[in-house]
Structure formats: C-alpha cells, structure tokens
C-alpha atoms as a PDB file:
ATOM      1  CA  MET A   1     123.584  90.598  88.896  1.00  0.00           C
ATOM      2  CA  LYS A   2     120.277  90.531  90.925  1.00  0.00           C
ATOM      3  CA  GLU A   3     116.747  92.697  90.201  1.00  0.00           C
ATOM      4  CA  TYR A   4     113.950  93.422  93.184  1.00  0.00           C
ATOM      5  CA  LYS A   5     110.542  93.989  93.103  1.00  0.00           C
ATOM      6  CA  VAL A   6     108.414  95.021  95.855  1.00  0.00           C
ATOM      7  CA  MET A   7     104.531  93.958  95.975  1.00  0.00           C
ATOM      8  CA  SER A   8     102.246  95.930  98.372  1.00  0.00           C
ATOM      9  CA  GLN A   9      98.644  95.923  98.833  1.00  0.00           C
ATOM     10  CA  LYS A  10      98.730  99.307  96.977  1.00  0.00           C
ATOM     11  CA  ASP A  11     100.214  96.639  93.894  1.00  0.00           C
ATOM     12  CA  LYS A  12      98.071  95.891  90.955  1.00  0.00           C
ATOM     13  CA  TRP A  13      97.142  92.529  92.023  1.00  0.00           C
ATOM     14  CA  PHE A  14      95.162  93.626  95.264  1.00  0.00           C
ATOM     15  CA  SER A  15      93.109  97.033  93.920  1.00  0.00           C
ATOM     16  CA  ARG A  16      94.463  98.446  97.572  1.00  0.00           C
ATOM     17  CA  LYS A  17      92.087  95.848  99.274  1.00  0.00           C
ATOM     18  CA  PHE A  18      94.240  92.951 100.622  1.00  0.00           C
ATOM     19  CA  ASP A  19      92.932  88.923  99.295  1.00  0.00           C
ATOM     20  CA  PRO A  20      94.859  86.198  99.596  1.00  0.00           C
ATOM     21  CA  GLU A  21      93.472  84.404  96.767  1.00  0.00           C
ATOM     22  CA  ALA A  22      95.211  87.867  94.624  1.00  0.00           C
ATOM     23  CA  LEU A  23      98.528  87.424  96.468  1.00  0.00           C
ATOM     24  CA  GLU A  24      98.664  83.743  95.312  1.00  0.00           C
ATOM     25  CA  GLN A  25      97.718  85.255  91.870  1.00  0.00           C
ATOM     26  CA  GLY A  26      99.851  87.785  91.891  1.00  0.00           C
ATOM     27  CA  LEU A  27     103.072  85.711  93.711  1.00  0.00           C
ATOM     28  CA  ASN A  28     102.372  83.084  90.976  1.00  0.00           C
ATOM     29  CA  ALA A  29     102.570  85.144  87.755  1.00  0.00           C
ATOM     30  CA  TYR A  30     105.157  87.063  88.945  1.00  0.00           C
ATOM     31  CA  ALA A  31     107.394  83.579  89.606  1.00  0.00           C
ATOM     32  CA  ALA A  32     106.527  82.256  86.268  1.00  0.00           C
ATOM     33  CA  GLN A  33     108.681  85.105  84.818  1.00  0.00           C
ATOM     34  CA  GLY A  34     111.788  84.283  87.402  1.00  0.00           C
ATOM     35  CA  TRP A  35     110.995  85.997  90.667  1.00  0.00           C
ATOM     36  CA  GLU A  36     110.967  84.417  94.130  1.00  0.00           C
ATOM     37  CA  VAL A  37     109.988  85.494  97.315  1.00  0.00           C
ATOM     38  CA  ILE A  38     112.850  86.324  99.525  1.00  0.00           C
ATOM     39  CA  SER A  39     111.170  88.397 102.211  1.00  0.00           C
ATOM     40  CA  VAL A  40     108.045  89.333 103.483  1.00  0.00           C
ATOM     41  CA  ALA A  41     107.265  91.774 106.309  1.00  0.00           C
ATOM     42  CA  THR A  42     104.419  94.247 107.781  1.00  0.00           C
ATOM     43  CA  ALA A  43     105.044  98.386 108.179  1.00  0.00           C
ATOM     44  CA  SER A  44     102.983 100.569 109.685  1.00  0.00           C
ATOM     45  CA  ILE A  45     101.952 103.075 107.718  1.00  0.00           C
ATOM     46  CA  PRO A  46     100.676 106.796 109.135  1.00  0.00           C
ATOM     47  CA  GLY A  47      97.408 107.653 107.922  1.00  0.00           C
ATOM     48  CA  LEU A  48      94.929 110.300 108.803  1.00  0.00           C
ATOM     49  CA  GLY A  49      93.067 107.899 111.191  1.00  0.00           C
ATOM     50  CA  GLY A  50      95.729 106.171 112.663  1.00  0.00           C
ATOM     51  CA  ASN A  51      98.504 103.690 111.481  1.00  0.00           C
ATOM     52  CA  ARG A  52      97.346 101.044 109.062  1.00  0.00           C
ATOM     53  CA  GLU A  53      99.426  97.649 108.818  1.00  0.00           C
ATOM     54  CA  GLU A  54     100.511  97.047 104.819  1.00  0.00           C
ATOM     55  CA  MET A  55     102.135  93.937 103.935  1.00  0.00           C
ATOM     56  CA  ILE A  56     105.069  94.337 102.047  1.00  0.00           C
ATOM     57  CA  VAL A  57     106.977  91.201  99.808  1.00  0.00           C
ATOM     58  CA  VAL A  58     110.033  91.165  98.141  1.00  0.00           C
ATOM     59  CA  LEU A  59     110.397  89.213  95.132  1.00  0.00           C
ATOM     60  CA  GLU A  60     114.053  88.308  93.701  1.00  0.00           C
ATOM     61  CA  ARG A  61     115.534  87.300  89.956  1.00  0.00           C
ATOM     62  CA  GLU A  62     118.720  87.616  88.229  1.00  0.00           C
ATOM     63  CA  LYS A  63     118.683  90.188  85.975  1.00  0.00           C
END
C-alpha cells in the first residue's frame, strides 16, 4: 500500500514564501523519510486581489 503527501507554499518549509533553498531542504528531509516526488504542478488559487499561482508537489512512499 502507498501513502501520499502534498507540499505547497503553505507547508512549514516555506513560511508562506517560496524559496528554492527551503524547497530543497524540505524535499531532502522528506526523502530521508522514504518519500519520492511523483508530480509537480501549479495551481491557480482565487484571492481578493485576483488569482495567485501556487506550486504543489506530490510525494509518495510505501506505507
């Protein structure tokens, strides 16, 4: 059986701001726990000032 995790800019690694170094640290930390990236996408999130783009990373590992 597999389990999944979704990372976004709201994840603890980003403090609500996108930072490539923080993404790398987060992915390496999850990789050490057995997680593998299976997909990366951009979602359009509606907001008061219009839509904003947010990166979504989907990870998978054996349960």
